[in-house]
Amino acid sequence: MKPVPQATSLRRAPVQRRSAERLTRILDACADLLDEVGYDALSTRAVALRAGVPIGSVYRFFGNKRAMADALAQRNLERWTERVTERLKETGEGGWRAAMDAVLDEYLAMKRTAPGFSLVDFGNQIPVGARYAEPNHRVADRLTDLLSGYLDREPDEDLRRVFLVAVETADTLVHLAFRVAPEGDERIIAETREILRAYLGRVLD
């Protein structure tokens, strides 16, 4: 079993395996209920019931549902990073275009299949996280760390800003695509790729 990423929203980090497994069940239940009832109707009591744990176990880790959703967003970011990393290992050397496709494709795959992701993703859809750590900054920072070596670029503020602009652009357009069609309008997604290629080509080539 993979360890649960230590989100800043956790009241207490799990130490024993049993505690980590319980935290995983809580977050899984949270994700499933988000799809079923939405964030407004989500409750810590319902999550405890779905996870099969005492309500005290939920409060042991989280003070409220917002903290729980933030931990789910952090877990989503970790899982997405793992998927992108594996994809890049499979594709080998393909330059920034291959990296961009991996980043976007894995995000789209999670948006279509991962429980709760359509509502929480990395924290953009609901008001989670601290104001100083906005979700798209988290993603841009992660991409800078993940891709700088792959692109043979310094992980400096210039590259961080480039990724932040790309992430903000993709975030807006992908959410538009999923508002237009439940599985994401393919024409809007194709336009998103073209916009990203044009922008990244200008600054990375």
N, C-alpha and C. Protein backbone atom coordinates (compact mmCIF):
# COMPACT_ATOMS: atom_id res chain seq x y z
N MET A 1 0.84 -1.20 0.00
CA MET A 1 0.00 0.00 0.00
C MET A 1 0.87 1.25 0.00
N LYS A 2 0.54 2.18 -0.90
CA LYS A 2 1.31 3.42 -0.96
C LYS A 2 0.95 4.32 0.21
N PRO A 3 1.91 5.05 0.74
CA PRO A 3 1.60 5.96 1.83
C PRO A 3 0.72 7.10 1.36
N VAL A 4 -0.13 7.58 2.24
CA VAL A 4 -0.98 8.71 1.91
C VAL A 4 -0.16 9.98 1.99
N PRO A 5 -0.19 10.84 0.93
CA PRO A 5 0.56 12.10 0.99
C PRO A 5 0.13 12.92 2.21
N GLN A 6 1.09 13.57 2.82
CA GLN A 6 0.81 14.32 4.03
C GLN A 6 0.32 15.73 3.68
N ALA A 7 -0.97 15.89 3.59
CA ALA A 7 -1.54 17.19 3.29
C ALA A 7 -1.44 18.11 4.49
N THR A 8 -1.30 19.39 4.22
CA THR A 8 -1.18 20.36 5.31
C THR A 8 -2.47 20.47 6.10
N SER A 9 -3.59 20.01 5.53
CA SER A 9 -4.87 20.11 6.21
C SER A 9 -5.07 19.04 7.27
N LEU A 10 -4.17 18.06 7.34
CA LEU A 10 -4.32 16.99 8.33
C LEU A 10 -4.05 17.51 9.73
N ARG A 11 -4.93 17.16 10.65
CA ARG A 11 -4.69 17.49 12.05
C ARG A 11 -3.55 16.65 12.61
N ARG A 12 -3.53 15.40 12.19
CA ARG A 12 -2.54 14.46 12.70
C ARG A 12 -2.17 13.50 11.58
N ALA A 13 -0.88 13.33 11.35
CA ALA A 13 -0.43 12.41 10.30
C ALA A 13 -0.54 10.97 10.79
N PRO A 14 -0.99 10.05 9.91
CA PRO A 14 -1.06 8.65 10.32
C PRO A 14 0.33 8.07 10.50
N VAL A 15 0.52 7.32 11.56
CA VAL A 15 1.82 6.73 11.84
C VAL A 15 1.79 5.24 11.55
N GLN A 16 0.78 4.55 12.06
CA GLN A 16 0.68 3.11 11.87
C GLN A 16 -0.05 2.78 10.57
N ARG A 17 0.20 1.61 10.04
CA ARG A 17 -0.43 1.16 8.79
C ARG A 17 -1.95 1.21 8.89
N ARG A 18 -2.48 0.75 10.04
CA ARG A 18 -3.93 0.73 10.20
C ARG A 18 -4.51 2.14 10.13
N SER A 19 -3.81 3.09 10.71
CA SER A 19 -4.26 4.48 10.68
C SER A 19 -4.21 5.03 9.25
N ALA A 20 -3.17 4.69 8.51
CA ALA A 20 -3.05 5.14 7.12
C ALA A 20 -4.16 4.55 6.26
N GLU A 21 -4.48 3.28 6.51
CA GLU A 21 -5.56 2.64 5.76
C GLU A 21 -6.90 3.29 6.07
N ARG A 22 -7.08 3.66 7.33
CA ARG A 22 -8.33 4.34 7.71
C ARG A 22 -8.44 5.70 7.03
N LEU A 23 -7.34 6.43 6.96
CA LEU A 23 -7.33 7.72 6.27
C LEU A 23 -7.65 7.54 4.79
N THR A 24 -7.11 6.51 4.18
CA THR A 24 -7.40 6.23 2.77
C THR A 24 -8.89 5.96 2.58
N ARG A 25 -9.49 5.17 3.49
CA ARG A 25 -10.93 4.89 3.39
C ARG A 25 -11.75 6.17 3.53
N ILE A 26 -11.34 7.04 4.42
CA ILE A 26 -12.06 8.31 4.62
C ILE A 26 -12.01 9.16 3.35
N LEU A 27 -10.83 9.26 2.76
CA LEU A 27 -10.70 10.08 1.54
C LEU A 27 -11.43 9.44 0.36
N ASP A 28 -11.40 8.10 0.28
CA ASP A 28 -12.15 7.42 -0.78
C ASP A 28 -13.65 7.68 -0.62
N ALA A 29 -14.13 7.61 0.60
CA ALA A 29 -15.55 7.87 0.86
C ALA A 29 -15.91 9.31 0.54
N CYS A 30 -15.04 10.22 0.89
CA CYS A 30 -15.24 11.64 0.58
C CYS A 30 -15.36 11.83 -0.93
N ALA A 31 -14.48 11.20 -1.70
CA ALA A 31 -14.50 11.33 -3.15
C ALA A 31 -15.80 10.78 -3.74
N ASP A 32 -16.22 9.60 -3.27
CA ASP A 32 -17.45 9.00 -3.78
C ASP A 32 -18.67 9.88 -3.48
N LEU A 33 -18.73 10.40 -2.26
CA LEU A 33 -19.88 11.22 -1.87
C LEU A 33 -19.90 12.56 -2.60
N LEU A 34 -18.75 13.09 -2.92
CA LEU A 34 -18.71 14.32 -3.71
C LEU A 34 -19.42 14.12 -5.04
N ASP A 35 -19.17 12.97 -5.68
CA ASP A 35 -19.84 12.68 -6.95
C ASP A 35 -21.34 12.49 -6.76
N GLU A 36 -21.73 11.92 -5.63
CA GLU A 36 -23.13 11.59 -5.42
C GLU A 36 -23.97 12.77 -4.96
N VAL A 37 -23.44 13.57 -4.02
CA VAL A 37 -24.27 14.62 -3.41
C VAL A 37 -23.72 16.04 -3.60
N GLY A 38 -22.47 16.17 -4.04
CA GLY A 38 -21.88 17.50 -4.19
C GLY A 38 -21.24 17.99 -2.91
N TYR A 39 -20.51 19.10 -3.02
CA TYR A 39 -19.76 19.61 -1.87
C TYR A 39 -20.67 20.20 -0.81
N ASP A 40 -21.70 20.93 -1.22
CA ASP A 40 -22.57 21.60 -0.25
C ASP A 40 -23.26 20.61 0.67
N ALA A 41 -23.66 19.46 0.11
CA ALA A 41 -24.39 18.47 0.91
C ALA A 41 -23.45 17.47 1.60
N LEU A 42 -22.17 17.57 1.33
CA LEU A 42 -21.21 16.67 1.96
C LEU A 42 -21.14 16.95 3.47
N SER A 43 -21.03 15.90 4.26
CA SER A 43 -20.88 16.07 5.71
C SER A 43 -19.87 15.06 6.24
N THR A 44 -19.21 15.44 7.30
CA THR A 44 -18.25 14.53 7.92
C THR A 44 -18.94 13.27 8.44
N ARG A 45 -20.18 13.41 8.90
CA ARG A 45 -20.91 12.25 9.40
C ARG A 45 -21.19 11.26 8.27
N ALA A 46 -21.60 11.77 7.11
CA ALA A 46 -21.87 10.89 5.98
C ALA A 46 -20.60 10.19 5.51
N VAL A 47 -19.48 10.91 5.54
CA VAL A 47 -18.20 10.31 5.15
C VAL A 47 -17.84 9.19 6.12
N ALA A 48 -18.00 9.43 7.41
CA ALA A 48 -17.69 8.40 8.40
C ALA A 48 -18.54 7.15 8.18
N LEU A 49 -19.83 7.36 7.91
CA LEU A 49 -20.74 6.24 7.69
C LEU A 49 -20.31 5.45 6.45
N ARG A 50 -20.01 6.16 5.36
CA ARG A 50 -19.61 5.50 4.11
C ARG A 50 -18.28 4.77 4.29
N ALA A 51 -17.37 5.35 5.03
CA ALA A 51 -16.05 4.76 5.23
C ALA A 51 -16.07 3.61 6.24
N GLY A 52 -17.16 3.53 7.01
CA GLY A 52 -17.25 2.48 8.02
C GLY A 52 -16.34 2.73 9.21
N VAL A 53 -16.20 4.01 9.58
CA VAL A 53 -15.34 4.37 10.72
C VAL A 53 -16.14 5.25 11.67
N PRO A 54 -15.76 5.32 12.93
CA PRO A 54 -16.43 6.22 13.87
C PRO A 54 -16.21 7.67 13.45
N ILE A 55 -17.17 8.53 13.76
CA ILE A 55 -17.04 9.95 13.42
C ILE A 55 -15.79 10.55 14.05
N GLY A 56 -15.41 10.02 15.21
CA GLY A 56 -14.20 10.51 15.87
C GLY A 56 -12.95 10.28 15.05
N SER A 57 -12.95 9.23 14.23
CA SER A 57 -11.80 8.95 13.37
C SER A 57 -11.64 10.03 12.30
N VAL A 58 -12.77 10.51 11.81
CA VAL A 58 -12.71 11.59 10.81
C VAL A 58 -12.16 12.85 11.46
N TYR A 59 -12.67 13.18 12.65
CA TYR A 59 -12.21 14.40 13.33
C TYR A 59 -10.78 14.26 13.87
N ARG A 60 -10.31 13.04 13.97
CA ARG A 60 -8.92 12.85 14.37
C ARG A 60 -7.98 13.42 13.30
N PHE A 61 -8.42 13.31 12.04
CA PHE A 61 -7.61 13.80 10.92
C PHE A 61 -8.03 15.19 10.44
N PHE A 62 -9.33 15.48 10.48
CA PHE A 62 -9.83 16.71 9.85
C PHE A 62 -10.76 17.48 10.77
N GLY A 63 -10.61 18.81 10.77
CA GLY A 63 -11.48 19.64 11.58
C GLY A 63 -12.83 19.88 10.96
N ASN A 64 -12.91 19.78 9.62
CA ASN A 64 -14.16 20.03 8.91
C ASN A 64 -14.07 19.46 7.50
N LYS A 65 -15.15 19.59 6.75
CA LYS A 65 -15.17 19.00 5.41
C LYS A 65 -14.26 19.76 4.44
N ARG A 66 -14.03 21.01 4.69
CA ARG A 66 -13.13 21.77 3.83
C ARG A 66 -11.71 21.21 3.93
N ALA A 67 -11.26 20.91 5.14
CA ALA A 67 -9.93 20.33 5.32
C ALA A 67 -9.85 18.95 4.67
N MET A 68 -10.95 18.21 4.74
CA MET A 68 -10.99 16.88 4.14
C MET A 68 -10.91 16.99 2.61
N ALA A 69 -11.63 17.94 2.04
CA ALA A 69 -11.58 18.14 0.59
C ALA A 69 -10.20 18.62 0.15
N ASP A 70 -9.54 19.41 0.98
CA ASP A 70 -8.20 19.88 0.64
C ASP A 70 -7.21 18.71 0.63
N ALA A 71 -7.36 17.79 1.57
CA ALA A 71 -6.51 16.60 1.60
C ALA A 71 -6.75 15.73 0.37
N LEU A 72 -8.01 15.66 -0.06
CA LEU A 72 -8.33 14.91 -1.28
C LEU A 72 -7.69 15.58 -2.48
N ALA A 73 -7.73 16.92 -2.53
CA ALA A 73 -7.09 17.66 -3.63
C ALA A 73 -5.59 17.40 -3.66
N GLN A 74 -4.97 17.35 -2.48
CA GLN A 74 -3.54 17.07 -2.41
C GLN A 74 -3.24 15.65 -2.88
N ARG A 75 -4.09 14.72 -2.49
CA ARG A 75 -3.90 13.33 -2.96
C ARG A 75 -4.06 13.25 -4.47
N ASN A 76 -5.01 13.99 -5.01
CA ASN A 76 -5.18 14.02 -6.46
C ASN A 76 -3.92 14.53 -7.15
N LEU A 77 -3.33 15.57 -6.58
CA LEU A 77 -2.11 16.13 -7.17
C LEU A 77 -0.98 15.10 -7.15
N GLU A 78 -0.86 14.36 -6.05
CA GLU A 78 0.18 13.34 -5.95
C GLU A 78 -0.06 12.22 -6.96
N ARG A 79 -1.29 11.80 -7.09
CA ARG A 79 -1.59 10.71 -8.03
C ARG A 79 -1.39 11.15 -9.47
N TRP A 80 -1.77 12.38 -9.78
CA TRP A 80 -1.56 12.93 -11.13
C TRP A 80 -0.06 13.02 -11.43
N THR A 81 0.72 13.46 -10.46
CA THR A 81 2.17 13.54 -10.65
C THR A 81 2.75 12.17 -10.95
N GLU A 82 2.28 11.15 -10.23
CA GLU A 82 2.76 9.79 -10.47
C GLU A 82 2.40 9.33 -11.88
N ARG A 83 1.19 9.64 -12.32
CA ARG A 83 0.75 9.23 -13.66
C ARG A 83 1.58 9.92 -14.74
N VAL A 84 1.81 11.22 -14.57
CA VAL A 84 2.61 11.96 -15.55
C VAL A 84 4.04 11.41 -15.58
N THR A 85 4.60 11.14 -14.41
CA THR A 85 5.95 10.61 -14.34
C THR A 85 6.07 9.28 -15.07
N GLU A 86 5.09 8.38 -14.84
CA GLU A 86 5.10 7.09 -15.52
C GLU A 86 4.94 7.26 -17.02
N ARG A 87 4.09 8.18 -17.43
CA ARG A 87 3.88 8.42 -18.86
C ARG A 87 5.17 8.92 -19.51
N LEU A 88 5.89 9.80 -18.85
CA LEU A 88 7.13 10.33 -19.41
C LEU A 88 8.20 9.24 -19.50
N LYS A 89 8.20 8.31 -18.55
CA LYS A 89 9.14 7.19 -18.61
C LYS A 89 8.85 6.33 -19.83
N GLU A 90 7.57 6.16 -20.15
CA GLU A 90 7.17 5.32 -21.28
C GLU A 90 7.51 5.99 -22.61
N THR A 91 7.31 7.31 -22.69
CA THR A 91 7.51 8.00 -23.96
C THR A 91 8.98 8.31 -24.22
N GLY A 92 9.80 8.34 -23.15
CA GLY A 92 11.22 8.64 -23.33
C GLY A 92 11.42 10.10 -23.69
N GLU A 93 12.46 10.37 -24.46
CA GLU A 93 12.78 11.75 -24.84
C GLU A 93 11.83 12.23 -25.93
N GLY A 94 10.98 13.14 -25.60
CA GLY A 94 10.06 13.66 -26.60
C GLY A 94 9.94 15.16 -26.58
N GLY A 95 10.74 15.82 -25.74
CA GLY A 95 10.69 17.27 -25.67
C GLY A 95 9.45 17.76 -24.96
N TRP A 96 9.26 19.07 -24.99
CA TRP A 96 8.18 19.67 -24.22
C TRP A 96 6.81 19.31 -24.78
N ARG A 97 6.71 19.03 -26.07
CA ARG A 97 5.41 18.68 -26.65
C ARG A 97 4.90 17.35 -26.09
N ALA A 98 5.79 16.38 -25.98
CA ALA A 98 5.40 15.10 -25.37
C ALA A 98 5.05 15.30 -23.90
N ALA A 99 5.81 16.15 -23.22
CA ALA A 99 5.52 16.43 -21.81
C ALA A 99 4.16 17.10 -21.66
N MET A 100 3.86 18.07 -22.54
CA MET A 100 2.58 18.76 -22.47
C MET A 100 1.42 17.80 -22.70
N ASP A 101 1.58 16.89 -23.69
CA ASP A 101 0.53 15.91 -23.94
C ASP A 101 0.32 15.01 -22.73
N ALA A 102 1.42 14.59 -22.10
CA ALA A 102 1.31 13.73 -20.91
C ALA A 102 0.57 14.45 -19.79
N VAL A 103 0.94 15.69 -19.56
CA VAL A 103 0.33 16.49 -18.48
C VAL A 103 -1.16 16.66 -18.73
N LEU A 104 -1.54 17.03 -19.95
CA LEU A 104 -2.94 17.28 -20.27
C LEU A 104 -3.74 15.99 -20.34
N ASP A 105 -3.18 14.97 -20.98
CA ASP A 105 -3.90 13.70 -21.12
C ASP A 105 -4.21 13.06 -19.78
N GLU A 106 -3.23 13.07 -18.88
CA GLU A 106 -3.45 12.43 -17.57
C GLU A 106 -4.45 13.23 -16.73
N TYR A 107 -4.43 14.55 -16.89
CA TYR A 107 -5.44 15.37 -16.20
C TYR A 107 -6.84 15.03 -16.73
N LEU A 108 -6.99 14.95 -18.05
CA LEU A 108 -8.28 14.63 -18.65
C LEU A 108 -8.75 13.25 -18.23
N ALA A 109 -7.82 12.29 -18.17
CA ALA A 109 -8.19 10.93 -17.77
C ALA A 109 -8.70 10.91 -16.34
N MET A 110 -8.05 11.64 -15.45
CA MET A 110 -8.52 11.69 -14.06
C MET A 110 -9.84 12.43 -13.96
N LYS A 111 -10.01 13.46 -14.74
CA LYS A 111 -11.26 14.22 -14.70
C LYS A 111 -12.44 13.35 -15.13
N ARG A 112 -12.17 12.42 -16.03
CA ARG A 112 -13.24 11.57 -16.53
C ARG A 112 -13.49 10.34 -15.66
N THR A 113 -12.50 9.91 -14.88
CA THR A 113 -12.63 8.61 -14.20
C THR A 113 -12.41 8.63 -12.69
N ALA A 114 -11.63 9.56 -12.17
CA ALA A 114 -11.29 9.52 -10.74
C ALA A 114 -12.46 10.04 -9.90
N PRO A 115 -12.92 9.27 -8.91
CA PRO A 115 -14.03 9.72 -8.06
C PRO A 115 -13.73 11.07 -7.40
N GLY A 116 -14.72 11.95 -7.44
CA GLY A 116 -14.61 13.25 -6.78
C GLY A 116 -13.75 14.27 -7.51
N PHE A 117 -13.02 13.84 -8.53
CA PHE A 117 -12.06 14.73 -9.17
C PHE A 117 -12.75 15.88 -9.90
N SER A 118 -13.90 15.62 -10.48
CA SER A 118 -14.58 16.67 -11.25
C SER A 118 -14.99 17.83 -10.37
N LEU A 119 -15.18 17.57 -9.07
CA LEU A 119 -15.55 18.65 -8.15
C LEU A 119 -14.35 19.27 -7.45
N VAL A 120 -13.34 18.47 -7.16
CA VAL A 120 -12.22 18.96 -6.35
C VAL A 120 -10.97 19.21 -7.18
N ASP A 121 -10.71 18.40 -8.16
CA ASP A 121 -9.43 18.29 -8.88
C ASP A 121 -8.27 18.58 -7.95
N PHE A 122 -7.53 19.69 -8.16
CA PHE A 122 -6.42 20.02 -7.26
C PHE A 122 -6.79 21.13 -6.29
N GLY A 123 -8.10 21.40 -6.17
CA GLY A 123 -8.57 22.41 -5.24
C GLY A 123 -9.16 23.64 -5.90
N ASN A 124 -9.33 23.59 -7.22
CA ASN A 124 -9.82 24.77 -7.93
C ASN A 124 -11.33 24.96 -7.86
N GLN A 125 -12.04 23.86 -7.74
CA GLN A 125 -13.48 23.95 -7.90
C GLN A 125 -14.22 24.38 -6.64
N ILE A 126 -13.64 24.13 -5.48
CA ILE A 126 -14.25 24.54 -4.23
C ILE A 126 -13.20 25.31 -3.43
N PRO A 127 -13.63 26.13 -2.48
CA PRO A 127 -12.67 26.99 -1.77
C PRO A 127 -11.85 26.24 -0.74
N VAL A 128 -10.84 25.50 -1.22
CA VAL A 128 -9.98 24.77 -0.30
C VAL A 128 -8.59 25.37 -0.34
N GLY A 129 -7.81 25.08 0.68
CA GLY A 129 -6.43 25.56 0.71
C GLY A 129 -6.33 26.99 1.19
N ALA A 130 -5.11 27.38 1.52
CA ALA A 130 -4.87 28.74 1.98
C ALA A 130 -4.71 29.68 0.78
N ARG A 131 -5.03 30.93 0.98
CA ARG A 131 -4.96 31.90 -0.11
C ARG A 131 -3.55 32.02 -0.67
N TYR A 132 -2.55 31.85 0.19
CA TYR A 132 -1.17 31.99 -0.27
C TYR A 132 -0.69 30.77 -1.04
N ALA A 133 -1.47 29.70 -1.05
CA ALA A 133 -1.08 28.49 -1.77
C ALA A 133 -2.20 28.09 -2.73
N GLU A 134 -2.52 28.98 -3.68
CA GLU A 134 -3.61 28.72 -4.62
C GLU A 134 -3.32 27.45 -5.42
N PRO A 135 -4.36 26.69 -5.74
CA PRO A 135 -4.15 25.39 -6.39
C PRO A 135 -3.30 25.44 -7.65
N ASN A 136 -3.53 26.42 -8.53
CA ASN A 136 -2.76 26.44 -9.78
C ASN A 136 -1.30 26.78 -9.53
N HIS A 137 -1.00 27.48 -8.45
CA HIS A 137 0.39 27.69 -8.08
C HIS A 137 1.02 26.37 -7.62
N ARG A 138 0.24 25.57 -6.90
CA ARG A 138 0.71 24.23 -6.50
C ARG A 138 1.09 23.42 -7.74
N VAL A 139 0.19 23.44 -8.73
CA VAL A 139 0.40 22.65 -9.93
C VAL A 139 1.61 23.16 -10.72
N ALA A 140 1.70 24.48 -10.86
CA ALA A 140 2.83 25.06 -11.60
C ALA A 140 4.15 24.74 -10.91
N ASP A 141 4.16 24.83 -9.59
CA ASP A 141 5.38 24.48 -8.85
C ASP A 141 5.74 23.01 -9.06
N ARG A 142 4.73 22.14 -9.02
CA ARG A 142 4.99 20.72 -9.21
C ARG A 142 5.53 20.45 -10.62
N LEU A 143 4.95 21.11 -11.63
CA LEU A 143 5.42 20.91 -13.00
C LEU A 143 6.84 21.42 -13.18
N THR A 144 7.16 22.52 -12.54
CA THR A 144 8.52 23.05 -12.62
C THR A 144 9.52 22.06 -12.06
N ASP A 145 9.19 21.49 -10.91
CA ASP A 145 10.09 20.51 -10.29
C ASP A 145 10.16 19.22 -11.12
N LEU A 146 9.02 18.82 -11.68
CA LEU A 146 8.94 17.55 -12.38
C LEU A 146 9.58 17.60 -13.77
N LEU A 147 9.40 18.73 -14.47
CA LEU A 147 9.77 18.78 -15.89
C LEU A 147 11.04 19.54 -16.20
N SER A 148 11.59 20.27 -15.24
CA SER A 148 12.76 21.09 -15.55
C SER A 148 13.92 20.24 -16.06
N GLY A 149 14.16 19.11 -15.39
CA GLY A 149 15.23 18.23 -15.83
C GLY A 149 14.92 17.59 -17.18
N TYR A 150 13.66 17.19 -17.35
CA TYR A 150 13.23 16.57 -18.60
C TYR A 150 13.41 17.53 -19.77
N LEU A 151 13.18 18.83 -19.51
CA LEU A 151 13.29 19.85 -20.56
C LEU A 151 14.68 20.46 -20.63
N ASP A 152 15.57 20.02 -19.72
CA ASP A 152 16.92 20.57 -19.65
C ASP A 152 16.88 22.08 -19.45
N ARG A 153 16.03 22.50 -18.50
CA ARG A 153 15.89 23.91 -18.16
C ARG A 153 16.11 24.10 -16.67
N GLU A 154 16.57 25.27 -16.29
CA GLU A 154 16.71 25.58 -14.88
C GLU A 154 15.31 25.76 -14.26
N PRO A 155 15.07 25.20 -13.06
CA PRO A 155 13.77 25.39 -12.41
C PRO A 155 13.68 26.76 -11.74
N ASP A 156 13.80 27.80 -12.55
CA ASP A 156 13.84 29.16 -12.02
C ASP A 156 12.46 29.81 -12.08
N GLU A 157 12.40 31.06 -11.68
CA GLU A 157 11.12 31.76 -11.63
C GLU A 157 10.53 31.98 -13.03
N ASP A 158 11.39 32.11 -14.03
CA ASP A 158 10.88 32.27 -15.40
C ASP A 158 10.11 31.03 -15.83
N LEU A 159 10.69 29.84 -15.60
CA LEU A 159 10.00 28.60 -15.98
C LEU A 159 8.74 28.42 -15.14
N ARG A 160 8.80 28.78 -13.87
CA ARG A 160 7.63 28.68 -12.99
C ARG A 160 6.49 29.56 -13.50
N ARG A 161 6.85 30.77 -13.95
CA ARG A 161 5.82 31.69 -14.48
C ARG A 161 5.22 31.15 -15.78
N VAL A 162 6.07 30.57 -16.63
CA VAL A 162 5.58 29.98 -17.88
C VAL A 162 4.57 28.88 -17.59
N PHE A 163 4.90 28.00 -16.65
CA PHE A 163 3.98 26.91 -16.32
C PHE A 163 2.72 27.43 -15.64
N LEU A 164 2.83 28.47 -14.85
CA LEU A 164 1.64 29.03 -14.20
C LEU A 164 0.67 29.59 -15.25
N VAL A 165 1.20 30.31 -16.23
CA VAL A 165 0.35 30.84 -17.31
C VAL A 165 -0.30 29.69 -18.08
N ALA A 166 0.48 28.65 -18.38
CA ALA A 166 -0.05 27.50 -19.11
C ALA A 166 -1.12 26.78 -18.30
N VAL A 167 -0.87 26.60 -17.01
CA VAL A 167 -1.83 25.90 -16.15
C VAL A 167 -3.12 26.70 -16.02
N GLU A 168 -3.02 28.00 -15.81
CA GLU A 168 -4.22 28.84 -15.71
C GLU A 168 -5.03 28.79 -16.99
N THR A 169 -4.34 28.83 -18.13
CA THR A 169 -5.02 28.78 -19.42
C THR A 169 -5.72 27.45 -19.62
N ALA A 170 -4.98 26.36 -19.38
CA ALA A 170 -5.56 25.03 -19.56
C ALA A 170 -6.72 24.80 -18.60
N ASP A 171 -6.57 25.26 -17.35
CA ASP A 171 -7.62 25.07 -16.35
C ASP A 171 -8.93 25.71 -16.80
N THR A 172 -8.85 26.93 -17.26
CA THR A 172 -10.05 27.64 -17.70
C THR A 172 -10.70 26.95 -18.89
N LEU A 173 -9.90 26.57 -19.88
CA LEU A 173 -10.45 26.00 -21.10
C LEU A 173 -10.94 24.57 -20.90
N VAL A 174 -10.25 23.78 -20.09
CA VAL A 174 -10.71 22.41 -19.84
C VAL A 174 -12.04 22.43 -19.08
N HIS A 175 -12.17 23.32 -18.13
CA HIS A 175 -13.44 23.40 -17.42
C HIS A 175 -14.57 23.88 -18.34
N LEU A 176 -14.24 24.73 -19.28
CA LEU A 176 -15.22 25.11 -20.30
C LEU A 176 -15.63 23.88 -21.10
N ALA A 177 -14.66 23.07 -21.50
CA ALA A 177 -14.95 21.86 -22.29
C ALA A 177 -15.89 20.93 -21.54
N PHE A 178 -15.72 20.81 -20.22
CA PHE A 178 -16.56 19.91 -19.44
C PHE A 178 -17.90 20.54 -19.07
N ARG A 179 -18.01 21.84 -19.16
CA ARG A 179 -19.34 22.47 -19.02
C ARG A 179 -20.15 22.27 -20.29
N VAL A 180 -19.48 22.25 -21.44
CA VAL A 180 -20.17 22.08 -22.72
C VAL A 180 -20.60 20.64 -22.94
N ALA A 181 -19.76 19.68 -22.52
CA ALA A 181 -20.07 18.26 -22.70
C ALA A 181 -19.60 17.48 -21.48
N PRO A 182 -20.39 16.49 -21.03
CA PRO A 182 -20.05 15.75 -19.80
C PRO A 182 -18.67 15.10 -19.84
N GLU A 183 -18.24 14.61 -20.98
CA GLU A 183 -16.93 13.97 -21.10
C GLU A 183 -15.86 14.92 -21.63
N GLY A 184 -16.21 16.19 -21.77
CA GLY A 184 -15.26 17.17 -22.28
C GLY A 184 -15.39 17.33 -23.78
N ASP A 185 -15.76 18.50 -24.25
CA ASP A 185 -15.92 18.76 -25.68
C ASP A 185 -14.56 18.62 -26.38
N GLU A 186 -14.45 17.66 -27.31
CA GLU A 186 -13.17 17.37 -27.94
C GLU A 186 -12.65 18.54 -28.77
N ARG A 187 -13.55 19.32 -29.35
CA ARG A 187 -13.10 20.46 -30.16
C ARG A 187 -12.46 21.53 -29.28
N ILE A 188 -13.05 21.77 -28.12
CA ILE A 188 -12.46 22.76 -27.21
C ILE A 188 -11.14 22.24 -26.66
N ILE A 189 -11.07 20.93 -26.37
CA ILE A 189 -9.81 20.36 -25.89
C ILE A 189 -8.73 20.47 -26.97
N ALA A 190 -9.11 20.23 -28.23
CA ALA A 190 -8.15 20.38 -29.33
C ALA A 190 -7.66 21.82 -29.45
N GLU A 191 -8.58 22.77 -29.29
CA GLU A 191 -8.18 24.19 -29.32
C GLU A 191 -7.24 24.51 -28.16
N THR A 192 -7.52 23.90 -27.01
CA THR A 192 -6.65 24.11 -25.84
C THR A 192 -5.23 23.65 -26.14
N ARG A 193 -5.10 22.48 -26.77
CA ARG A 193 -3.77 21.98 -27.13
C ARG A 193 -3.06 22.95 -28.06
N GLU A 194 -3.79 23.47 -29.03
CA GLU A 194 -3.17 24.39 -29.99
C GLU A 194 -2.69 25.68 -29.31
N ILE A 195 -3.51 26.19 -28.41
CA ILE A 195 -3.14 27.41 -27.68
C ILE A 195 -1.90 27.16 -26.83
N LEU A 196 -1.88 26.03 -26.13
CA LEU A 196 -0.72 25.70 -25.29
C LEU A 196 0.53 25.50 -26.13
N ARG A 197 0.38 24.82 -27.28
CA ARG A 197 1.55 24.60 -28.14
C ARG A 197 2.10 25.92 -28.66
N ALA A 198 1.20 26.83 -29.03
CA ALA A 198 1.65 28.13 -29.55
C ALA A 198 2.38 28.92 -28.47
N TYR A 199 1.81 28.94 -27.28
CA TYR A 199 2.44 29.69 -26.19
C TYR A 199 3.76 29.06 -25.75
N LEU A 200 3.74 27.76 -25.48
CA LEU A 200 4.94 27.09 -25.00
C LEU A 200 6.03 27.06 -26.08
N GLY A 201 5.60 26.95 -27.34
CA GLY A 201 6.59 26.99 -28.43
C GLY A 201 7.34 28.29 -28.47
N ARG A 202 6.64 29.37 -28.17
CA ARG A 202 7.28 30.69 -28.21
C ARG A 202 8.31 30.85 -27.10
N VAL A 203 8.05 30.24 -25.94
CA VAL A 203 8.94 30.47 -24.80
C VAL A 203 9.92 29.31 -24.53
N LEU A 204 9.60 28.10 -25.03
CA LEU A 204 10.46 26.96 -24.72
C LEU A 204 11.35 26.53 -25.90
N ASP A 205 10.96 26.81 -27.13
CA ASP A 205 11.79 26.42 -28.28
C ASP A 205 13.08 27.25 -28.35
